[in-house]
C-alpha atoms as a PDB file:
ATOM      1  CA  MET A   1      24.907 -14.349 -25.785  1.00  0.00           C
ATOM      2  CA  THR A   2      22.620 -11.642 -26.632  1.00  0.00           C
ATOM      3  CA  VAL A   3      18.769 -12.532 -28.623  1.00  0.00           C
ATOM      4  CA  PHE A   4      17.485  -9.832 -31.014  1.00  0.00           C
ATOM      5  CA  PRO A   5      13.916 -10.048 -32.183  1.00  0.00           C
ATOM      6  CA  ALA A   6      14.518 -10.265 -36.233  1.00  0.00           C
ATOM      7  CA  HIS A   7      13.678  -6.391 -36.329  1.00  0.00           C
ATOM      8  CA  GLY A   8      12.394  -3.847 -35.162  1.00  0.00           C
ATOM      9  CA  PRO A   9      12.718  -1.600 -31.723  1.00  0.00           C
ATOM     10  CA  ALA A  10      13.076  -4.390 -28.955  1.00  0.00           C
ATOM     11  CA  TYR A  11      12.742  -4.402 -24.749  1.00  0.00           C
ATOM     12  CA  ALA A  12      15.337  -6.473 -22.611  1.00  0.00           C
ATOM     13  CA  CYS A  13      13.642  -9.117 -20.920  1.00  0.00           C
ATOM     14  CA  SER A  14      14.741 -10.153 -17.268  1.00  0.00           C
ATOM     15  CA  TYR A  15      14.244 -13.605 -17.294  1.00  0.00           C
ATOM     16  CA  CYS A  16      14.724 -14.614 -20.784  1.00  0.00           C
ATOM     17  CA  SER A  17      18.501 -13.430 -20.357  1.00  0.00           C
ATOM     18  CA  THR A  18      18.424 -14.575 -17.331  1.00  0.00           C
ATOM     19  CA  ALA A  19      17.506 -18.285 -17.657  1.00  0.00           C
ATOM     20  CA  GLU A  20      19.784 -17.815 -21.336  1.00  0.00           C
ATOM     21  CA  GLY A  21      22.543 -16.329 -19.245  1.00  0.00           C
ATOM     22  CA  GLY A  22      22.629 -13.772 -21.765  1.00  0.00           C
ATOM     23  CA  THR A  23      19.956 -11.042 -22.974  1.00  0.00           C
ATOM     24  CA  VAL A  24      17.834 -11.617 -24.481  1.00  0.00           C
ATOM     25  CA  TYR A  25      14.901  -8.933 -26.508  1.00  0.00           C
ATOM     26  CA  HIS A  26      11.622  -9.436 -27.104  1.00  0.00           C
ATOM     27  CA  PRO A  27       9.519  -6.942 -30.262  1.00  0.00           C
ATOM     28  CA  LEU A  28       8.728  -3.636 -27.645  1.00  0.00           C
ATOM     29  CA  GLY A  29       4.690  -4.775 -27.852  1.00  0.00           C
ATOM     30  CA  GLU A  30       5.168  -9.013 -27.751  1.00  0.00           C
ATOM     31  CA  PRO A  31       4.914 -10.463 -24.016  1.00  0.00           C
ATOM     32  CA  CYS A  32       7.410 -12.386 -22.557  1.00  0.00           C
ATOM     33  CA  PRO A  33       6.006 -16.429 -22.312  1.00  0.00           C
ATOM     34  CA  LYS A  34       8.330 -16.571 -19.227  1.00  0.00           C
ATOM     35  CA  ALA A  35       6.623 -13.375 -17.266  1.00  0.00           C
ATOM     36  CA  THR A  36       2.561 -12.690 -18.396  1.00  0.00           C
ATOM     37  CA  TYR A  37       0.526 -13.644 -17.546  1.00  0.00           C
ATOM     38  CA  TYR A  38       0.405 -16.789 -19.634  1.00  0.00           C
ATOM     39  CA  GLY A  39       3.262 -18.275 -18.501  1.00  0.00           C
ATOM     40  CA  THR A  40       3.756 -16.724 -14.643  1.00  0.00           C
ATOM     41  CA  PRO A  41       2.861 -19.371 -11.863  1.00  0.00           C
ATOM     42  CA  LEU A  42       0.667 -17.262  -9.851  1.00  0.00           C
ATOM     43  CA  GLU A  43       2.264 -17.481  -6.294  1.00  0.00           C
ATOM     44  CA  SER A  44       4.330 -14.623  -5.292  1.00  0.00           C
ATOM     45  CA  THR A  45       7.606 -14.318  -4.911  1.00  0.00           C
ATOM     46  CA  GLY A  46       7.167 -11.943  -1.879  1.00  0.00           C
ATOM     47  CA  GLN A  47       9.179  -9.123  -3.827  1.00  0.00           C
ATOM     48  CA  PHE A  48       8.241  -6.434  -5.648  1.00  0.00           C
ATOM     49  CA  ASP A  49      10.192  -6.975  -8.984  1.00  0.00           C
ATOM     50  CA  GLU A  50       9.940  -4.140 -11.332  1.00  0.00           C
ATOM     51  CA  LYS A  51      10.874  -6.051 -14.884  1.00  0.00           C
ATOM     52  CA  LEU A  52       7.696  -8.309 -14.036  1.00  0.00           C
ATOM     53  CA  MET A  53       5.377  -5.189 -13.404  1.00  0.00           C
ATOM     54  CA  GLU A  54       6.891  -3.139 -16.458  1.00  0.00           C
ATOM     55  CA  GLU A  55       6.354  -6.086 -19.044  1.00  0.00           C
ATOM     56  CA  GLY A  56       3.155  -7.115 -16.637  1.00  0.00           C
ATOM     57  CA  VAL A  57       2.376  -2.686 -17.944  1.00  0.00           C
ATOM     58  CA  ARG A  58       3.394  -3.016 -21.569  1.00  0.00           C
ATOM     59  CA  LEU A  59       0.800  -5.901 -21.382  1.00  0.00           C
ATOM     60  CA  LEU A  60      -2.459  -3.709 -19.801  1.00  0.00           C
ATOM     61  CA  LEU A  61      -1.348  -0.481 -22.582  1.00  0.00           C
ATOM     62  CA  ARG A  62      -2.014  -3.775 -25.358  1.00  0.00           C
ATOM     63  CA  GLY A  63      -5.220  -4.867 -23.356  1.00  0.00           C
ATOM     64  CA  MET A  64      -6.437  -1.158 -24.395  1.00  0.00           C
ATOM     65  CA  GLY A  65      -5.981  -1.323 -27.928  1.00  0.00           C
ATOM     66  CA  GLN A  66      -2.525   1.075 -27.377  1.00  0.00           C
ATOM     67  CA  ASP A  67       0.502   1.117 -29.934  1.00  0.00           C
ATOM     68  CA  LEU A  68       3.438   0.801 -27.958  1.00  0.00           C
ATOM     69  CA  THR A  69       5.996   2.430 -29.880  1.00  0.00           C
ATOM     70  CA  ASP A  70       3.770   5.809 -29.410  1.00  0.00           C
ATOM     71  CA  PRO A  71       5.842   8.233 -27.609  1.00  0.00           C
ATOM     72  CA  ASN A  72       3.471   8.886 -24.643  1.00  0.00           C
ATOM     73  CA  PHE A  73       3.747   5.352 -24.195  1.00  0.00           C
ATOM     74  CA  VAL A  74       7.803   3.781 -24.883  1.00  0.00           C
ATOM     75  CA  ASP A  75       8.135   5.019 -21.179  1.00  0.00           C
ATOM     76  CA  THR A  76       5.087   4.346 -19.941  1.00  0.00           C
ATOM     77  CA  PRO A  77       5.798   0.578 -18.250  1.00  0.00           C
ATOM     78  CA  ARG A  78       9.057   2.136 -16.307  1.00  0.00           C
ATOM     79  CA  ARG A  79       7.025   4.805 -15.162  1.00  0.00           C
ATOM     80  CA  VAL A  80       4.373   3.219 -14.081  1.00  0.00           C
ATOM     81  CA  SER A  81       6.344   0.391 -11.772  1.00  0.00           C
ATOM     82  CA  LYS A  82       9.328   2.947 -10.230  1.00  0.00           C
ATOM     83  CA  LEU A  83       5.383   3.937  -9.134  1.00  0.00           C
ATOM     84  CA  PHE A  84       3.984   1.276  -7.100  1.00  0.00           C
ATOM     85  CA  ARG A  85       7.513   0.726  -5.829  1.00  0.00           C
ATOM     86  CA  GLU A  86       7.364   4.071  -4.139  1.00  0.00           C
ATOM     87  CA  MET A  87       3.733   3.702  -2.883  1.00  0.00           C
ATOM     88  CA  LEU A  88       4.472   0.818  -0.839  1.00  0.00           C
ATOM     89  CA  THR A  89       7.877   1.566   0.032  1.00  0.00           C
ATOM     90  CA  PRO A  90       7.210   2.930   3.427  1.00  0.00           C
ATOM     91  CA  GLN A  91      10.139   4.843   5.832  1.00  0.00           C
ATOM     92  CA  GLN A  92      11.225   1.913   8.066  1.00  0.00           C
ATOM     93  CA  ASN A  93       9.719   1.994  11.674  1.00  0.00           C
ATOM     94  CA  ASN A  94      12.094   2.023  14.723  1.00  0.00           C
ATOM     95  CA  TRP A  95      10.306   2.080  17.584  1.00  0.00           C
ATOM     96  CA  THR A  96      11.815   3.533  19.422  1.00  0.00           C
ATOM     97  CA  THR A  97       9.795   3.488  22.918  1.00  0.00           C
ATOM     98  CA  PHE A  98      10.120   5.108  26.932  1.00  0.00           C
ATOM     99  CA  PRO A  99       8.832   4.434  29.589  1.00  0.00           C
ATOM    100  CA  ALA A 100       5.837   6.040  29.912  1.00  0.00           C
ATOM    101  CA  GLN A 101       5.669   9.391  32.433  1.00  0.00           C
ATOM    102  CA  ALA A 102       1.360   9.233  32.264  1.00  0.00           C
ATOM    103  CA  ALA A 103      -1.356   6.641  31.593  1.00  0.00           C
ATOM    104  CA  ASP A 104      -2.985  10.025  29.664  1.00  0.00           C
ATOM    105  CA  LEU A 105      -4.883   9.356  26.593  1.00  0.00           C
ATOM    106  CA  ILE A 106      -2.418  10.507  23.255  1.00  0.00           C
ATOM    107  CA  VAL A 107      -4.295  10.616  19.522  1.00  0.00           C
ATOM    108  CA  LEU A 108      -2.250  11.128  16.201  1.00  0.00           C
ATOM    109  CA  ARG A 109      -5.391  13.034  14.375  1.00  0.00           C
ATOM    110  CA  GLY A 110      -5.667  13.376  10.533  1.00  0.00           C
ATOM    111  CA  HIS A 111      -2.441  11.910   9.622  1.00  0.00           C
ATOM    112  CA  LYS A 112      -3.411  11.528   5.568  1.00  0.00           C
ATOM    113  CA  VAL A 113      -1.970   8.959   3.398  1.00  0.00           C
ATOM    114  CA  VAL A 114      -2.405   7.145   0.024  1.00  0.00           C
ATOM    115  CA  ALA A 115      -2.934   2.984   0.014  1.00  0.00           C
ATOM    116  CA  LEU A 116      -4.717   1.298  -2.441  1.00  0.00           C
ATOM    117  CA  CYS A 117      -7.528  -1.276  -2.920  1.00  0.00           C
ATOM    118  CA  PRO A 118      -6.577  -4.790  -3.947  1.00  0.00           C
ATOM    119  CA  HIS A 119      -9.876  -4.776  -5.438  1.00  0.00           C
ATOM    120  CA  HIS A 120      -9.324  -2.566  -8.318  1.00  0.00           C
ATOM    121  CA  LEU A 121      -5.305  -1.162  -7.828  1.00  0.00           C
ATOM    122  CA  GLN A 122      -7.305   2.498  -7.190  1.00  0.00           C
ATOM    123  CA  PRO A 123      -5.936   4.185  -4.625  1.00  0.00           C
ATOM    124  CA  VAL A 124      -7.440   4.897  -1.735  1.00  0.00           C
ATOM    125  CA  VAL A 125      -6.871   8.883  -0.042  1.00  0.00           C
ATOM    126  CA  LEU A 126      -7.252   7.867   4.048  1.00  0.00           C
ATOM    127  CA  THR A 127      -7.116  10.334   6.965  1.00  0.00           C
ATOM    128  CA  ALA A 128      -6.632   8.828   9.581  1.00  0.00           C
ATOM    129  CA  TYR A 129      -7.108   8.918  13.757  1.00  0.00           C
ATOM    130  CA  VAL A 130      -4.752   6.530  15.787  1.00  0.00           C
ATOM    131  CA  GLY A 131      -5.163   6.988  19.289  1.00  0.00           C
ATOM    132  CA  TYR A 132      -3.328   5.407  23.207  1.00  0.00           C
ATOM    133  CA  ILE A 133      -3.619   5.162  26.256  1.00  0.00           C
ATOM    134  CA  PRO A 134       0.000   4.329  27.601  1.00  0.00           C
ATOM    135  CA  ASN A 135      -0.096   1.276  30.169  1.00  0.00           C
ATOM    136  CA  GLU A 136       4.634   1.194  31.302  1.00  0.00           C
ATOM    137  CA  LEU A 137       6.000   2.320  27.537  1.00  0.00           C
ATOM    138  CA  THR A 138       5.439   4.859  25.245  1.00  0.00           C
ATOM    139  CA  ILE A 139       6.539   5.972  21.405  1.00  0.00           C
ATOM    140  CA  GLY A 140       8.206   8.951  20.488  1.00  0.00           C
ATOM    141  CA  LEU A 141       5.019  11.476  18.377  1.00  0.00           C
ATOM    142  CA  SER A 142       5.659  10.691  15.080  1.00  0.00           C
ATOM    143  CA  LYS A 143       5.533   7.076  15.515  1.00  0.00           C
ATOM    144  CA  LEU A 144       2.451   7.214  15.420  1.00  0.00           C
ATOM    145  CA  ALA A 145       1.751   8.469  11.569  1.00  0.00           C
ATOM    146  CA  ARG A 146       5.318   5.974  11.178  1.00  0.00           C
ATOM    147  CA  VAL A 147       2.680   2.763  12.332  1.00  0.00           C
ATOM    148  CA  VAL A 148       0.030   3.592   9.611  1.00  0.00           C
ATOM    149  CA  GLU A 149       2.230   3.634   6.983  1.00  0.00           C
ATOM    150  CA  GLU A 150       4.627   1.117   7.713  1.00  0.00           C
ATOM    151  CA  HIS A 151       1.312  -1.590   5.896  1.00  0.00           C
ATOM    152  CA  LEU A 152       0.849  -0.078   3.355  1.00  0.00           C
ATOM    153  CA  THR A 153       3.508  -2.535   1.796  1.00  0.00           C
ATOM    154  CA  LYS A 154       1.030  -4.086  -0.326  1.00  0.00           C
ATOM    155  CA  PRO A 155      -2.516  -3.653  -1.070  1.00  0.00           C
ATOM    156  CA  ILE A 156      -5.224  -3.303   1.239  1.00  0.00           C
ATOM    157  CA  MET A 157      -8.267  -3.129   3.013  1.00  0.00           C
ATOM    158  CA  GLN A 158      -9.067  -0.234   4.809  1.00  0.00           C
ATOM    159  CA  GLU A 159     -10.815  -3.169   7.057  1.00  0.00           C
ATOM    160  CA  ASP A 160      -7.529  -5.472   7.327  1.00  0.00           C
ATOM    161  CA  LEU A 161      -5.630  -1.221   7.690  1.00  0.00           C
ATOM    162  CA  GLY A 162      -7.584  -0.396  11.009  1.00  0.00           C
ATOM    163  CA  ASP A 163      -7.053  -3.863  12.807  1.00  0.00           C
ATOM    164  CA  ALA A 164      -2.821  -4.380  11.290  1.00  0.00           C
ATOM    165  CA  ILE A 165      -2.022  -0.900  13.035  1.00  0.00           C
ATOM    166  CA  ALA A 166      -3.989  -1.745  16.685  1.00  0.00           C
ATOM    167  CA  ASP A 167      -2.199  -5.152  16.312  1.00  0.00           C
ATOM    168  CA  SER A 168       0.870  -3.039  15.533  1.00  0.00           C
ATOM    169  CA  LEU A 169       0.584  -0.821  18.729  1.00  0.00           C
ATOM    170  CA  GLU A 170      -0.924  -3.702  20.954  1.00  0.00           C
ATOM    171  CA  LYS A 171       2.032  -6.471  20.990  1.00  0.00           C
ATOM    172  CA  ARG A 172       5.330  -3.441  21.245  1.00  0.00           C
ATOM    173  CA  LEU A 173       2.798  -1.029  23.729  1.00  0.00           C
ATOM    174  CA  LYS A 174       0.922  -3.569  25.239  1.00  0.00           C
ATOM    175  CA  PRO A 175      -1.479  -0.381  26.071  1.00  0.00           C
ATOM    176  CA  LYS A 176      -4.528  -0.472  28.547  1.00  0.00           C
ATOM    177  CA  GLY A 177      -6.722   0.697  25.588  1.00  0.00           C
ATOM    178  CA  THR A 178      -6.394   1.300  22.058  1.00  0.00           C
ATOM    179  CA  GLY A 179      -8.544   3.277  19.286  1.00  0.00           C
ATOM    180  CA  VAL A 180      -7.917   3.169  15.901  1.00  0.00           C
ATOM    181  CA  VAL A 181     -10.196   5.605  13.291  1.00  0.00           C
ATOM    182  CA  LEU A 182     -10.013   5.897   9.781  1.00  0.00           C
ATOM    183  CA  THR A 183     -11.842   7.375   7.147  1.00  0.00           C
ATOM    184  CA  GLY A 184     -11.639   6.774   3.290  1.00  0.00           C
ATOM    185  CA  ILE A 185     -12.318   8.061   0.051  1.00  0.00           C
ATOM    186  CA  HIS A 186     -12.279   5.238  -2.048  1.00  0.00           C
ATOM    187  CA  GLY A 187     -11.183   5.361  -6.138  1.00  0.00           C
ATOM    188  CA  CYS A 188     -13.188   2.277  -6.899  1.00  0.00           C
ATOM    189  CA  MET A 189     -16.214   4.077  -5.416  1.00  0.00           C
ATOM    190  CA  ARG A 190     -15.714   7.483  -6.921  1.00  0.00           C
ATOM    191  CA  PHE A 191     -14.346   6.228 -10.570  1.00  0.00           C
ATOM    192  CA  ARG A 192     -16.693   3.753 -11.118  1.00  0.00           C
ATOM    193  CA  GLY A 193     -19.898   1.892 -10.449  1.00  0.00           C
ATOM    194  CA  VAL A 194     -21.464   3.642  -8.095  1.00  0.00           C
ATOM    195  CA  GLU A 195     -19.592   6.702  -8.820  1.00  0.00           C
ATOM    196  CA  SER A 196     -20.207   7.645  -5.312  1.00  0.00           C
ATOM    197  CA  ASP A 197     -17.916  11.068  -3.789  1.00  0.00           C
ATOM    198  CA  GLY A 198     -19.104   9.736   0.015  1.00  0.00           C
ATOM    199  CA  ASP A 199     -16.043   8.203   2.448  1.00  0.00           C
ATOM    200  CA  VAL A 200     -15.731   5.322   4.316  1.00  0.00           C
ATOM    201  CA  VAL A 201     -14.673   5.156   7.588  1.00  0.00           C
ATOM    202  CA  THR A 202     -13.974   2.591  10.403  1.00  0.00           C
ATOM    203  CA  SER A 203     -12.949   2.050  13.332  1.00  0.00           C
ATOM    204  CA  VAL A 204     -11.205  -0.918  15.825  1.00  0.00           C
ATOM    205  CA  MET A 205     -11.203  -0.043  19.629  1.00  0.00           C
ATOM    206  CA  ARG A 206      -9.273  -2.573  21.823  1.00  0.00           C
ATOM    207  CA  GLY A 207      -9.239  -2.346  25.661  1.00  0.00           C
ATOM    208  CA  VAL A 208      -9.702   0.114  27.509  1.00  0.00           C
ATOM    209  CA  LEU A 209     -11.482   1.983  24.649  1.00  0.00           C
ATOM    210  CA  LEU A 210     -13.300  -0.551  24.060  1.00  0.00           C
ATOM    211  CA  LEU A 211     -14.721  -1.233  27.373  1.00  0.00           C
ATOM    212  CA  ASN A 212     -15.119   1.657  28.859  1.00  0.00           C
ATOM    213  CA  PRO A 213     -17.649   4.438  27.973  1.00  0.00           C
ATOM    214  CA  THR A 214     -16.181   6.905  29.442  1.00  0.00           C
ATOM    215  CA  ALA A 215     -13.014   7.069  28.133  1.00  0.00           C
ATOM    216  CA  ARG A 216     -13.555   6.474  24.162  1.00  0.00           C
ATOM    217  CA  GLN A 217     -15.534   9.011  24.045  1.00  0.00           C
ATOM    218  CA  GLU A 218     -12.921  10.861  25.531  1.00  0.00           C
ATOM    219  CA  PHE A 219     -11.528   9.405  22.111  1.00  0.00           C
ATOM    220  CA  LEU A 220     -14.415   9.636  20.111  1.00  0.00           C
ATOM    221  CA  GLN A 221     -14.196  13.886  21.296  1.00  0.00           C
ATOM    222  CA  ILE A 222     -10.919  14.409  20.254  1.00  0.00           C
ATOM    223  CA  VAL A 223     -11.381  12.923  17.011  1.00  0.00           C
ATOM    224  CA  GLY A 224     -14.314  14.700  16.146  1.00  0.00           C
ATOM    225  CA  ARG A 225     -16.105  14.533  13.288  1.00  0.00           C
ATOM    226  CA  PRO A 226     -14.297  12.216  10.150  1.00  0.00           C
END
């Protein structure tokens, strides 16, 4: 069964189509009552839903007073959905480990990533400095960068990201010490409100890097002024 609107341009609605067992179309620019903010339960499935994202973007554009039949906006929902999927789908980290041959400090310095602020969905340009002192295991150097990226599957606060990175290293490697310093340029600070161009620095220290001032100072000297 295929259901078309009475007249005018339309889009195929994945939610109504699934429910009705056929393809159901709504007028372009009209939100689906089953899939918009007004009709969808607030609980999430935990999965990225491209169709729901597209319909949400249509509603956002309507809220801005934009004409969705304008050629500039016709494909915007699909493009925005694709953009967010790419941002929130980092490469997997296979956590290949090796026996540690030494107990010297290992630091990844200046790794740049882009996260999403959960409060305003604005980009946060982050620079990560991640270090650890091995105990029995080490990981390949490139995997330190992946440790940062693997937590960017959802909008996340900078403070929580630092803790998540440190937790992952401690869980997988059980190192003698772990340090994570993040600097962030937040779109929600730069483009609204205070309109500050300053950066935000967060620091997480665990184990030896927390308890031993000499080890902590060595790590911070290697990091330098972020």
